[in-house]
């Protein structure tokens, strides 16, 4: 029994670490998702080029395009790095009715689909 409790605790720690790692990028993405509900119908074809936001450490870039939100790692990143980011975003938005899908583009970046 002690091993099971320890195992569950370790799993929760790993999950929490992933959420902490992406806390700021999730917060920036949340701002754009919310603004599509309240302030904007769409950011237009060229997107919100003037609305691009970066995390304080400069590792992530978040910007809107139409009703899509693009999340990009702004440094050398592997497929695993993007997959971990996609999973964190998908988990974060799994119960959010405003987000249809979180997927990876052919270009490698992550898209948050808020289209109706």
PDB file of N, CA and C in Angstrom:
ATOM      1  N   UNK A   1       0.823  -1.193   0.000  1.00  0.00           N
ATOM      2  CA  UNK A   1       0.000   0.000   0.000  1.00  0.00           C
ATOM      3  C   UNK A   1       0.869   1.260   0.000  1.00  0.00           C
ATOM      4  N   UNK A   2       1.921   1.205   0.769  1.00  0.00           N
ATOM      5  CA  UNK A   2       2.822   2.352   0.856  1.00  0.00           C
ATOM      6  C   UNK A   2       3.429   2.681  -0.508  1.00  0.00           C
ATOM      7  N   UNK A   3       3.751   1.642  -1.282  1.00  0.00           N
ATOM      8  CA  UNK A   3       4.341   1.840  -2.608  1.00  0.00           C
ATOM      9  C   UNK A   3       3.338   2.480  -3.564  1.00  0.00           C
ATOM     10  N   UNK A   4       2.081   2.092  -3.451  1.00  0.00           N
ATOM     11  CA  UNK A   4       1.043   2.651  -4.315  1.00  0.00           C
ATOM     12  C   UNK A   4       0.870   4.142  -4.035  1.00  0.00           C
ATOM     13  N   UNK A   5       0.824   4.500  -2.770  1.00  0.00           N
ATOM     14  CA  UNK A   5       0.678   5.906  -2.392  1.00  0.00           C
ATOM     15  C   UNK A   5       1.876   6.706  -2.887  1.00  0.00           C
ATOM     16  N   UNK A   6       3.068   6.163  -2.726  1.00  0.00           N
ATOM     17  CA  UNK A   6       4.280   6.829  -3.189  1.00  0.00           C
ATOM     18  C   UNK A   6       4.267   6.992  -4.709  1.00  0.00           C
ATOM     19  N   UNK A   7       3.826   5.958  -5.418  1.00  0.00           N
ATOM     20  CA  UNK A   7       3.749   6.009  -6.878  1.00  0.00           C
ATOM     21  C   UNK A   7       2.761   7.083  -7.337  1.00  0.00           C
ATOM     22  N   UNK A   8       1.599   7.132  -6.720  1.00  0.00           N
ATOM     23  CA  UNK A   8       0.592   8.137  -7.071  1.00  0.00           C
ATOM     24  C   UNK A   8       1.131   9.541  -6.782  1.00  0.00           C
ATOM     25  N   UNK A   9       1.799   9.696  -5.656  1.00  0.00           N
ATOM     26  CA  UNK A   9       2.389  10.987  -5.312  1.00  0.00           C
ATOM     27  C   UNK A   9       3.410  11.417  -6.354  1.00  0.00           C
ATOM     28  N   UNK A  10       4.244  10.495  -6.799  1.00  0.00           N
ATOM     29  CA  UNK A  10       5.257  10.806  -7.808  1.00  0.00           C
ATOM     30  C   UNK A  10       4.609  11.199  -9.136  1.00  0.00           C
ATOM     31  N   UNK A  11       3.544  10.499  -9.521  1.00  0.00           N
ATOM     32  CA  UNK A  11       2.835  10.850 -10.754  1.00  0.00           C
ATOM     33  C   UNK A  11       2.239  12.253 -10.675  1.00  0.00           C
ATOM     34  N   UNK A  12       1.658  12.583  -9.540  1.00  0.00           N
ATOM     35  CA  UNK A  12       1.096  13.921  -9.367  1.00  0.00           C
ATOM     36  C   UNK A  12       2.183  14.991  -9.425  1.00  0.00           C
ATOM     37  N   UNK A  13       3.334  14.702  -8.867  1.00  0.00           N
ATOM     38  CA  UNK A  13       4.449  15.646  -8.915  1.00  0.00           C
ATOM     39  C   UNK A  13       4.898  15.883 -10.355  1.00  0.00           C
ATOM     40  N   UNK A  14       5.014  14.807 -11.132  1.00  0.00           N
ATOM     41  CA  UNK A  14       5.420  14.937 -12.534  1.00  0.00           C
ATOM     42  C   UNK A  14       4.407  15.755 -13.323  1.00  0.00           C
ATOM     43  N   UNK A  15       3.132  15.493 -13.088  1.00  0.00           N
ATOM     44  CA  UNK A  15       2.090  16.247 -13.777  1.00  0.00           C
ATOM     45  C   UNK A  15       2.159  17.723 -13.395  1.00  0.00           C
ATOM     46  N   UNK A  16       2.321  18.003 -12.111  1.00  0.00           N
ATOM     47  CA  UNK A  16       2.383  19.389 -11.636  1.00  0.00           C
ATOM     48  C   UNK A  16       3.600  20.110 -12.200  1.00  0.00           C
ATOM     49  N   UNK A  17       4.718  19.433 -12.315  1.00  0.00           N
ATOM     50  CA  UNK A  17       5.927  20.058 -12.867  1.00  0.00           C
ATOM     51  C   UNK A  17       5.691  20.499 -14.305  1.00  0.00           C
ATOM     52  N   UNK A  18       5.008  19.685 -15.075  1.00  0.00           N
ATOM     53  CA  UNK A  18       4.709  20.042 -16.458  1.00  0.00           C
ATOM     54  C   UNK A  18       3.837  21.280 -16.532  1.00  0.00           C
ATOM     55  N   UNK A  19       2.853  21.381 -15.652  1.00  0.00           N
ATOM     56  CA  UNK A  19       1.973  22.542 -15.645  1.00  0.00           C
ATOM     57  C   UNK A  19       2.722  23.796 -15.201  1.00  0.00           C
ATOM     58  N   UNK A  20       3.627  23.660 -14.234  1.00  0.00           N
ATOM     59  CA  UNK A  20       4.409  24.802 -13.763  1.00  0.00           C
ATOM     60  C   UNK A  20       5.340  25.286 -14.867  1.00  0.00           C
ATOM     61  N   UNK A  21       5.944  24.363 -15.579  1.00  0.00           N
ATOM     62  CA  UNK A  21       6.876  24.703 -16.652  1.00  0.00           C
ATOM     63  C   UNK A  21       6.207  25.581 -17.710  1.00  0.00           C
ATOM     64  N   UNK A  22       4.949  25.312 -17.976  1.00  0.00           N
ATOM     65  CA  UNK A  22       4.228  26.024 -19.033  1.00  0.00           C
ATOM     66  C   UNK A  22       3.255  27.074 -18.488  1.00  0.00           C
ATOM     67  N   UNK A  23       3.348  27.398 -17.215  1.00  0.00           N
ATOM     68  CA  UNK A  23       2.366  28.295 -16.588  1.00  0.00           C
ATOM     69  C   UNK A  23       2.223  29.620 -17.341  1.00  0.00           C
ATOM     70  N   UNK A  24       3.332  30.255 -17.679  1.00  0.00           N
ATOM     71  CA  UNK A  24       3.254  31.575 -18.315  1.00  0.00           C
ATOM     72  C   UNK A  24       2.701  31.489 -19.740  1.00  0.00           C
ATOM     73  N   UNK A  25       3.123  30.483 -20.501  1.00  0.00           N
ATOM     74  CA  UNK A  25       2.614  30.348 -21.872  1.00  0.00           C
ATOM     75  C   UNK A  25       1.120  29.998 -21.844  1.00  0.00           C
ATOM     76  N   UNK A  26       0.687  29.212 -20.862  1.00  0.00           N
ATOM     77  CA  UNK A  26      -0.739  28.912 -20.723  1.00  0.00           C
ATOM     78  C   UNK A  26      -1.518  30.184 -20.393  1.00  0.00           C
ATOM     79  N   UNK A  27      -0.950  31.019 -19.560  1.00  0.00           N
ATOM     80  CA  UNK A  27      -1.600  32.275 -19.191  1.00  0.00           C
ATOM     81  C   UNK A  27      -1.746  33.203 -20.403  1.00  0.00           C
ATOM     82  N   UNK A  28      -0.699  33.301 -21.219  1.00  0.00           N
ATOM     83  CA  UNK A  28      -0.775  34.133 -22.430  1.00  0.00           C
ATOM     84  C   UNK A  28      -1.822  33.589 -23.399  1.00  0.00           C
ATOM     85  N   UNK A  29      -1.835  32.273 -23.577  1.00  0.00           N
ATOM     86  CA  UNK A  29      -2.830  31.661 -24.466  1.00  0.00           C
ATOM     87  C   UNK A  29      -4.240  31.900 -23.931  1.00  0.00           C
ATOM     88  N   UNK A  30      -4.406  31.810 -22.607  1.00  0.00           N
ATOM     89  CA  UNK A  30      -5.713  32.062 -21.995  1.00  0.00           C
ATOM     90  C   UNK A  30      -6.213  33.474 -22.301  1.00  0.00           C
ATOM     91  N   UNK A  31      -5.306  34.444 -22.294  1.00  0.00           N
ATOM     92  CA  UNK A  31      -5.700  35.825 -22.607  1.00  0.00           C
ATOM     93  C   UNK A  31      -6.306  35.915 -24.003  1.00  0.00           C
ATOM     94  N   UNK A  32      -5.676  35.254 -24.978  1.00  0.00           N
ATOM     95  CA  UNK A  32      -6.190  35.308 -26.349  1.00  0.00           C
ATOM     96  C   UNK A  32      -7.493  34.523 -26.486  1.00  0.00           C
ATOM     97  N   UNK A  33      -7.588  33.365 -25.835  1.00  0.00           N
ATOM     98  CA  UNK A  33      -8.825  32.576 -25.892  1.00  0.00           C
ATOM     99  C   UNK A  33      -9.969  33.397 -25.299  1.00  0.00           C
ATOM    100  N   UNK A  34      -9.725  34.034 -24.171  1.00  0.00           N
ATOM    101  CA  UNK A  34     -10.760  34.862 -23.535  1.00  0.00           C
ATOM    102  C   UNK A  34     -11.147  36.050 -24.405  1.00  0.00           C
ATOM    103  N   UNK A  35     -10.157  36.678 -25.037  1.00  0.00           N
ATOM    104  CA  UNK A  35     -10.462  37.855 -25.861  1.00  0.00           C
ATOM    105  C   UNK A  35     -11.324  37.491 -27.066  1.00  0.00           C
ATOM    106  N   UNK A  36     -11.215  36.261 -27.545  1.00  0.00           N
ATOM    107  CA  UNK A  36     -12.069  35.835 -28.660  1.00  0.00           C
ATOM    108  C   UNK A  36     -13.514  35.648 -28.203  1.00  0.00           C
ATOM    109  N   UNK A  37     -13.731  35.514 -26.906  1.00  0.00           N
ATOM    110  CA  UNK A  37     -15.078  35.417 -26.360  1.00  0.00           C
ATOM    111  C   UNK A  37     -15.667  36.796 -26.084  1.00  0.00           C
ATOM    112  N   UNK A  38     -14.795  37.753 -25.716  1.00  0.00           N
ATOM    113  CA  UNK A  38     -15.298  39.035 -25.226  1.00  0.00           C
ATOM    114  C   UNK A  38     -14.992  40.219 -26.140  1.00  0.00           C
ATOM    115  N   UNK A  39     -13.757  40.348 -26.600  1.00  0.00           N
ATOM    116  CA  UNK A  39     -13.336  41.562 -27.305  1.00  0.00           C
ATOM    117  C   UNK A  39     -13.331  41.446 -28.824  1.00  0.00           C
ATOM    118  N   UNK A  40     -12.950  40.305 -29.336  1.00  0.00           N
ATOM    119  CA  UNK A  40     -12.749  40.148 -30.777  1.00  0.00           C
ATOM    120  C   UNK A  40     -13.601  39.012 -31.326  1.00  0.00           C
ATOM    121  N   UNK A  41     -14.137  39.219 -32.515  1.00  0.00           N
ATOM    122  CA  UNK A  41     -14.788  38.129 -33.240  1.00  0.00           C
ATOM    123  C   UNK A  41     -13.718  37.273 -33.897  1.00  0.00           C
ATOM    124  N   UNK A  42     -12.685  37.955 -34.389  1.00  0.00           N
ATOM    125  CA  UNK A  42     -11.566  37.306 -35.067  1.00  0.00           C
ATOM    126  C   UNK A  42     -10.410  38.298 -35.094  1.00  0.00           C
ATOM    127  N   UNK A  43      -9.203  37.790 -35.188  1.00  0.00           N
ATOM    128  CA  UNK A  43      -8.040  38.669 -35.304  1.00  0.00           C
ATOM    129  C   UNK A  43      -7.687  38.954 -36.763  1.00  0.00           C
ATOM    130  N   UNK A  44      -8.499  38.476 -37.704  1.00  0.00           N
ATOM    131  CA  UNK A  44      -8.285  38.771 -39.116  1.00  0.00           C
ATOM    132  C   UNK A  44      -7.319  37.818 -39.787  1.00  0.00           C
ATOM    133  N   UNK A  45      -7.259  37.927 -41.113  1.00  0.00           N
ATOM    134  CA  UNK A  45      -6.458  37.017 -41.930  1.00  0.00           C
ATOM    135  C   UNK A  45      -4.976  37.074 -41.591  1.00  0.00           C
ATOM    136  N   UNK A  46      -4.433  38.269 -41.447  1.00  0.00           N
ATOM    137  CA  UNK A  46      -3.015  38.396 -41.112  1.00  0.00           C
ATOM    138  C   UNK A  46      -2.764  38.209 -39.626  1.00  0.00           C
ATOM    139  N   UNK A  47      -3.825  38.102 -38.883  1.00  0.00           N
ATOM    140  CA  UNK A  47      -3.678  37.864 -37.463  1.00  0.00           C
ATOM    141  C   UNK A  47      -3.327  39.116 -36.695  1.00  0.00           C
ATOM    142  N   UNK A  48      -3.046  38.899 -35.462  1.00  0.00           N
ATOM    143  CA  UNK A  48      -2.698  40.008 -34.590  1.00  0.00           C
ATOM    144  C   UNK A  48      -1.203  40.197 -34.532  1.00  0.00           C
ATOM    145  N   UNK A  49      -0.586  40.476 -35.680  1.00  0.00           N
ATOM    146  CA  UNK A  49       0.869  40.640 -35.735  1.00  0.00           C
ATOM    147  C   UNK A  49       1.323  41.660 -34.695  1.00  0.00           C
ATOM    148  N   UNK A  50       0.512  42.685 -34.494  1.00  0.00           N
ATOM    149  CA  UNK A  50       0.850  43.685 -33.483  1.00  0.00           C
ATOM    150  C   UNK A  50       0.507  43.210 -32.069  1.00  0.00           C
ATOM    151  N   UNK A  51      -0.089  42.037 -31.953  1.00  0.00           N
ATOM    152  CA  UNK A  51      -0.499  41.504 -30.659  1.00  0.00           C
ATOM    153  C   UNK A  51       0.394  40.351 -30.184  1.00  0.00           C
ATOM    154  N   UNK A  52       1.473  40.064 -30.879  1.00  0.00           N
ATOM    155  CA  UNK A  52       2.369  38.963 -30.503  1.00  0.00           C
ATOM    156  C   UNK A  52       2.862  39.179 -29.076  1.00  0.00           C
ATOM    157  N   UNK A  53       2.814  38.107 -28.294  1.00  0.00           N
ATOM    158  CA  UNK A  53       3.306  38.174 -26.914  1.00  0.00           C
ATOM    159  C   UNK A  53       4.369  37.102 -26.710  1.00  0.00           C
ATOM    160  N   UNK A  54       5.326  37.433 -25.875  1.00  0.00           N
ATOM    161  CA  UNK A  54       6.406  36.507 -25.526  1.00  0.00           C
ATOM    162  C   UNK A  54       6.387  36.272 -24.021  1.00  0.00           C
ATOM    163  N   UNK A  55       6.813  35.088 -23.618  1.00  0.00           N
ATOM    164  CA  UNK A  55       6.999  34.855 -22.192  1.00  0.00           C
ATOM    165  C   UNK A  55       8.178  35.703 -21.726  1.00  0.00           C
ATOM    166  N   UNK A  56       8.254  35.959 -20.438  1.00  0.00           N
ATOM    167  CA  UNK A  56       9.328  36.805 -19.898  1.00  0.00           C
ATOM    168  C   UNK A  56      10.716  36.267 -20.211  1.00  0.00           C
ATOM    169  N   UNK A  57      10.847  34.934 -20.264  1.00  0.00           N
ATOM    170  CA  UNK A  57      12.159  34.346 -20.560  1.00  0.00           C
ATOM    171  C   UNK A  57      12.452  34.312 -22.060  1.00  0.00           C
ATOM    172  N   UNK A  58      11.462  34.696 -22.882  1.00  0.00           N
ATOM    173  CA  UNK A  58      11.656  34.751 -24.326  1.00  0.00           C
ATOM    174  C   UNK A  58      11.640  33.399 -25.016  1.00  0.00           C
ATOM    175  N   UNK A  59      11.266  32.340 -24.307  1.00  0.00           N
ATOM    176  CA  UNK A  59      11.283  30.998 -24.898  1.00  0.00           C
ATOM    177  C   UNK A  59      10.053  30.695 -25.744  1.00  0.00           C
ATOM    178  N   UNK A  60       8.929  31.358 -25.452  1.00  0.00           N
ATOM    179  CA  UNK A  60       7.684  31.051 -26.152  1.00  0.00           C
ATOM    180  C   UNK A  60       7.085  32.315 -26.746  1.00  0.00           C
ATOM    181  N   UNK A  61       6.468  32.131 -27.906  1.00  0.00           N
ATOM    182  CA  UNK A  61       5.774  33.214 -28.604  1.00  0.00           C
ATOM    183  C   UNK A  61       4.335  32.766 -28.810  1.00  0.00           C
ATOM    184  N   UNK A  62       3.390  33.647 -28.508  1.00  0.00           N
ATOM    185  CA  UNK A  62       1.971  33.344 -28.666  1.00  0.00           C
ATOM    186  C   UNK A  62       1.352  34.478 -29.481  1.00  0.00           C
ATOM    187  N   UNK A  63       0.659  34.110 -30.568  1.00  0.00           N
ATOM    188  CA  UNK A  63      -0.018  35.154 -31.345  1.00  0.00           C
ATOM    189  C   UNK A  63      -1.260  34.599 -32.027  1.00  0.00           C
ATOM    190  N   UNK A  64      -2.277  35.473 -32.175  1.00  0.00           N
ATOM    191  CA  UNK A  64      -3.535  35.058 -32.789  1.00  0.00           C
ATOM    192  C   UNK A  64      -3.522  35.234 -34.302  1.00  0.00           C
ATOM    193  N   UNK A  65      -4.267  34.355 -34.979  1.00  0.00           N
ATOM    194  CA  UNK A  65      -4.483  34.440 -36.434  1.00  0.00           C
ATOM    195  C   UNK A  65      -5.929  34.035 -36.681  1.00  0.00           C
ATOM    196  N   UNK A  66      -6.758  34.978 -37.022  1.00  0.00           N
ATOM    197  CA  UNK A  66      -8.175  34.660 -37.185  1.00  0.00           C
ATOM    198  C   UNK A  66      -8.744  34.225 -35.852  1.00  0.00           C
ATOM    199  N   UNK A  67      -9.273  33.001 -35.805  1.00  0.00           N
ATOM    200  CA  UNK A  67      -9.746  32.428 -34.542  1.00  0.00           C
ATOM    201  C   UNK A  67      -8.845  31.279 -34.097  1.00  0.00           C
ATOM    202  N   UNK A  68      -7.616  31.319 -34.577  1.00  0.00           N
ATOM    203  CA  UNK A  68      -6.600  30.353 -34.164  1.00  0.00           C
ATOM    204  C   UNK A  68      -5.550  31.084 -33.345  1.00  0.00           C
ATOM    205  N   UNK A  69      -4.949  30.383 -32.418  1.00  0.00           N
ATOM    206  CA  UNK A  69      -3.866  30.952 -31.625  1.00  0.00           C
ATOM    207  C   UNK A  69      -2.649  30.071 -31.832  1.00  0.00           C
ATOM    208  N   UNK A  70      -1.566  30.676 -32.283  1.00  0.00           N
ATOM    209  CA  UNK A  70      -0.333  29.958 -32.585  1.00  0.00           C
ATOM    210  C   UNK A  70       0.617  30.071 -31.399  1.00  0.00           C
ATOM    211  N   UNK A  71       1.151  28.935 -30.969  1.00  0.00           N
ATOM    212  CA  UNK A  71       2.123  28.901 -29.877  1.00  0.00           C
ATOM    213  C   UNK A  71       3.400  28.295 -30.436  1.00  0.00           C
ATOM    214  N   UNK A  72       4.485  29.028 -30.275  1.00  0.00           N
ATOM    215  CA  UNK A  72       5.752  28.635 -30.888  1.00  0.00           C
ATOM    216  C   UNK A  72       6.866  28.674 -29.846  1.00  0.00           C
ATOM    217  N   UNK A  73       7.747  27.694 -29.907  1.00  0.00           N
ATOM    218  CA  UNK A  73       8.943  27.713 -29.073  1.00  0.00           C
ATOM    219  C   UNK A  73       9.971  28.541 -29.831  1.00  0.00           C
ATOM    220  N   UNK A  74      10.468  29.593 -29.203  1.00  0.00           N
ATOM    221  CA  UNK A  74      11.336  30.547 -29.890  1.00  0.00           C
ATOM    222  C   UNK A  74      12.821  30.255 -29.672  1.00  0.00           C
ATOM    223  N   UNK A  75      13.161  28.994 -29.657  1.00  0.00           N
ATOM    224  CA  UNK A  75      14.562  28.572 -29.560  1.00  0.00           C
ATOM    225  C   UNK A  75      14.655  27.201 -30.223  1.00  0.00           C
ATOM    226  N   UNK A  76      15.840  26.668 -30.303  1.00  0.00           N
ATOM    227  CA  UNK A  76      15.985  25.322 -30.878  1.00  0.00           C
ATOM    228  C   UNK A  76      15.138  24.353 -30.066  1.00  0.00           C
ATOM    229  N   UNK A  77      14.259  23.635 -30.740  1.00  0.00           N
ATOM    230  CA  UNK A  77      13.355  22.723 -30.044  1.00  0.00           C
ATOM    231  C   UNK A  77      13.226  21.433 -30.836  1.00  0.00           C
ATOM    232  N   UNK A  78      13.113  20.348 -30.118  1.00  0.00           N
ATOM    233  CA  UNK A  78      12.955  19.036 -30.747  1.00  0.00           C
ATOM    234  C   UNK A  78      11.471  18.726 -30.913  1.00  0.00           C
ATOM    235  N   UNK A  79      11.185  17.652 -31.621  1.00  0.00           N
ATOM    236  CA  UNK A  79       9.802  17.194 -31.753  1.00  0.00           C
ATOM    237  C   UNK A  79       9.220  16.870 -30.384  1.00  0.00           C
ATOM    238  N   UNK A  80      10.050  16.304 -29.506  1.00  0.00           N
ATOM    239  CA  UNK A  80       9.584  15.975 -28.155  1.00  0.00           C
ATOM    240  C   UNK A  80       9.183  17.232 -27.385  1.00  0.00           C
ATOM    241  N   UNK A  81       9.945  18.306 -27.546  1.00  0.00           N
ATOM    242  CA  UNK A  81       9.609  19.566 -26.871  1.00  0.00           C
ATOM    243  C   UNK A  81       8.240  20.065 -27.321  1.00  0.00           C
ATOM    244  N   UNK A  82       7.994  20.022 -28.628  1.00  0.00           N
ATOM    245  CA  UNK A  82       6.700  20.472 -29.147  1.00  0.00           C
ATOM    246  C   UNK A  82       5.576  19.526 -28.730  1.00  0.00           C
ATOM    247  N   UNK A  83       5.854  18.246 -28.679  1.00  0.00           N
ATOM    248  CA  UNK A  83       4.822  17.295 -28.266  1.00  0.00           C
ATOM    249  C   UNK A  83       4.461  17.500 -26.795  1.00  0.00           C
ATOM    250  N   UNK A  84       5.445  17.759 -25.954  1.00  0.00           N
ATOM    251  CA  UNK A  84       5.165  18.029 -24.541  1.00  0.00           C
ATOM    252  C   UNK A  84       4.337  19.304 -24.390  1.00  0.00           C
ATOM    253  N   UNK A  85       4.674  20.319 -25.169  1.00  0.00           N
ATOM    254  CA  UNK A  85       3.905  21.566 -25.136  1.00  0.00           C
ATOM    255  C   UNK A  85       2.484  21.324 -25.624  1.00  0.00           C
ATOM    256  N   UNK A  86       2.331  20.567 -26.699  1.00  0.00           N
ATOM    257  CA  UNK A  86       0.992  20.260 -27.217  1.00  0.00           C
ATOM    258  C   UNK A  86       0.165  19.524 -26.171  1.00  0.00           C
ATOM    259  N   UNK A  87       0.778  18.550 -25.512  1.00  0.00           N
ATOM    260  CA  UNK A  87       0.062  17.789 -24.489  1.00  0.00           C
ATOM    261  C   UNK A  87      -0.358  18.674 -23.319  1.00  0.00           C
ATOM    262  N   UNK A  88       0.521  19.581 -22.907  1.00  0.00           N
ATOM    263  CA  UNK A  88       0.185  20.492 -21.809  1.00  0.00           C
ATOM    264  C   UNK A  88      -0.980  21.400 -22.201  1.00  0.00           C
ATOM    265  N   UNK A  89      -0.942  21.931 -23.421  1.00  0.00           N
ATOM    266  CA  UNK A  89      -2.032  22.789 -23.895  1.00  0.00           C
ATOM    267  C   UNK A  89      -3.329  21.996 -24.055  1.00  0.00           C
ATOM    268  N   UNK A  90      -3.243  20.795 -24.617  1.00  0.00           N
ATOM    269  CA  UNK A  90      -4.437  19.957 -24.801  1.00  0.00           C
ATOM    270  C   UNK A  90      -5.058  19.607 -23.455  1.00  0.00           C
ATOM    271  N   UNK A  91      -4.229  19.290 -22.491  1.00  0.00           N
ATOM    272  CA  UNK A  91      -4.723  18.977 -21.150  1.00  0.00           C
ATOM    273  C   UNK A  91      -5.374  20.209 -20.519  1.00  0.00           C
ATOM    274  N   UNK A  92      -4.743  21.345 -20.676  1.00  0.00           N
ATOM    275  CA  UNK A  92      -5.246  22.596 -20.104  1.00  0.00           C
ATOM    276  C   UNK A  92      -6.613  22.970 -20.680  1.00  0.00           C
ATOM    277  N   UNK A  93      -6.816  22.741 -21.964  1.00  0.00           N
ATOM    278  CA  UNK A  93      -8.056  23.133 -22.629  1.00  0.00           C
ATOM    279  C   UNK A  93      -9.036  21.974 -22.844  1.00  0.00           C
ATOM    280  N   UNK A  94      -8.771  20.824 -22.259  1.00  0.00           N
ATOM    281  CA  UNK A  94      -9.605  19.638 -22.516  1.00  0.00           C
ATOM    282  C   UNK A  94     -11.074  19.842 -22.142  1.00  0.00           C
ATOM    283  N   UNK A  95     -11.352  20.598 -21.105  1.00  0.00           N
ATOM    284  CA  UNK A  95     -12.738  20.797 -20.677  1.00  0.00           C
ATOM    285  C   UNK A  95     -13.257  22.193 -21.023  1.00  0.00           C
ATOM    286  N   UNK A  96     -12.543  22.912 -21.860  1.00  0.00           N
ATOM    287  CA  UNK A  96     -12.909  24.283 -22.222  1.00  0.00           C
ATOM    288  C   UNK A  96     -13.695  24.270 -23.529  1.00  0.00           C
ATOM    289  N   UNK A  97     -14.964  24.609 -23.461  1.00  0.00           N
ATOM    290  CA  UNK A  97     -15.826  24.588 -24.633  1.00  0.00           C
ATOM    291  C   UNK A  97     -15.470  25.613 -25.698  1.00  0.00           C
ATOM    292  N   UNK A  98     -14.659  26.604 -25.343  1.00  0.00           N
ATOM    293  CA  UNK A  98     -14.259  27.630 -26.313  1.00  0.00           C
ATOM    294  C   UNK A  98     -13.203  27.118 -27.282  1.00  0.00           C
ATOM    295  N   UNK A  99     -12.512  26.057 -26.901  1.00  0.00           N
ATOM    296  CA  UNK A  99     -11.416  25.512 -27.712  1.00  0.00           C
ATOM    297  C   UNK A  99     -11.871  24.207 -28.345  1.00  0.00           C
ATOM    298  N   UNK A 100     -11.856  24.173 -29.679  1.00  0.00           N
ATOM    299  CA  UNK A 100     -12.261  22.961 -30.397  1.00  0.00           C
ATOM    300  C   UNK A 100     -11.177  21.907 -30.383  1.00  0.00           C
ATOM    301  N   UNK A 101      -9.923  22.354 -30.589  1.00  0.00           N
ATOM    302  CA  UNK A 101      -8.846  21.388 -30.779  1.00  0.00           C
ATOM    303  C   UNK A 101      -7.503  22.072 -30.531  1.00  0.00           C
ATOM    304  N   UNK A 102      -6.548  21.293 -30.055  1.00  0.00           N
ATOM    305  CA  UNK A 102      -5.157  21.737 -29.954  1.00  0.00           C
ATOM    306  C   UNK A 102      -4.361  20.755 -30.795  1.00  0.00           C
ATOM    307  N   UNK A 103      -3.663  21.269 -31.803  1.00  0.00           N
ATOM    308  CA  UNK A 103      -2.952  20.367 -32.711  1.00  0.00           C
ATOM    309  C   UNK A 103      -1.638  20.980 -33.160  1.00  0.00           C
ATOM    310  N   UNK A 104      -0.840  20.144 -33.773  1.00  0.00           N
ATOM    311  CA  UNK A 104       0.453  20.573 -34.286  1.00  0.00           C
ATOM    312  C   UNK A 104       0.355  20.825 -35.781  1.00  0.00           C
ATOM    313  N   UNK A 105       0.834  21.974 -36.233  1.00  0.00           N
ATOM    314  CA  UNK A 105       0.845  22.329 -37.658  1.00  0.00           C
ATOM    315  C   UNK A 105       1.934  21.554 -38.383  1.00  0.00           C
ATOM    316  N   UNK A 106       1.859  21.595 -39.703  1.00  0.00           N
ATOM    317  CA  UNK A 106       2.926  21.000 -40.509  1.00  0.00           C
ATOM    318  C   UNK A 106       4.233  21.744 -40.296  1.00  0.00           C
ATOM    319  N   UNK A 107       4.153  23.020 -39.962  1.00  0.00           N
ATOM    320  CA  UNK A 107       5.361  23.816 -39.706  1.00  0.00           C
ATOM    321  C   UNK A 107       5.966  23.493 -38.344  1.00  0.00           C
ATOM    322  N   UNK A 108       5.231  22.741 -37.524  1.00  0.00           N
ATOM    323  CA  UNK A 108       5.750  22.316 -36.233  1.00  0.00           C
ATOM    324  C   UNK A 108       5.209  23.074 -35.047  1.00  0.00           C
ATOM    325  N   UNK A 109       4.614  24.243 -35.277  1.00  0.00           N
ATOM    326  CA  UNK A 109       4.092  25.007 -34.151  1.00  0.00           C
ATOM    327  C   UNK A 109       2.764  24.424 -33.688  1.00  0.00           C
ATOM    328  N   UNK A 110       2.299  24.892 -32.550  1.00  0.00           N
ATOM    329  CA  UNK A 110       1.050  24.403 -31.970  1.00  0.00           C
ATOM    330  C   UNK A 110      -0.061  25.410 -32.258  1.00  0.00           C
ATOM    331  N   UNK A 111      -1.219  24.904 -32.660  1.00  0.00           N
ATOM    332  CA  UNK A 111      -2.378  25.762 -32.907  1.00  0.00           C
ATOM    333  C   UNK A 111      -3.477  25.425 -31.910  1.00  0.00           C
ATOM    334  N   UNK A 112      -4.079  26.469 -31.366  1.00  0.00           N
ATOM    335  CA  UNK A 112      -5.257  26.333 -30.516  1.00  0.00           C
ATOM    336  C   UNK A 112      -6.424  26.820 -31.362  1.00  0.00           C
ATOM    337  N   UNK A 113      -7.331  25.919 -31.690  1.00  0.00           N
ATOM    338  CA  UNK A 113      -8.441  26.204 -32.601  1.00  0.00           C
ATOM    339  C   UNK A 113      -9.661  26.662 -31.809  1.00  0.00           C
ATOM    340  N   UNK A 114     -10.044  27.913 -31.988  1.00  0.00           N
ATOM    341  CA  UNK A 114     -11.213  28.481 -31.313  1.00  0.00           C
ATOM    342  C   UNK A 114     -12.336  28.785 -32.302  1.00  0.00           C
ATOM    343  N   UNK A 115     -12.263  28.174 -33.491  1.00  0.00           N
ATOM    344  CA  UNK A 115     -13.308  28.434 -34.496  1.00  0.00           C
ATOM    345  C   UNK A 115     -14.614  27.803 -34.059  1.00  0.00           C
ATOM    346  N   UNK A 116     -15.715  28.460 -34.431  1.00  0.00           N
ATOM    347  CA  UNK A 116     -17.049  27.954 -34.080  1.00  0.00           C
ATOM    348  C   UNK A 116     -17.443  26.810 -34.966  1.00  0.00           C
TER     349      UNK A 116
END
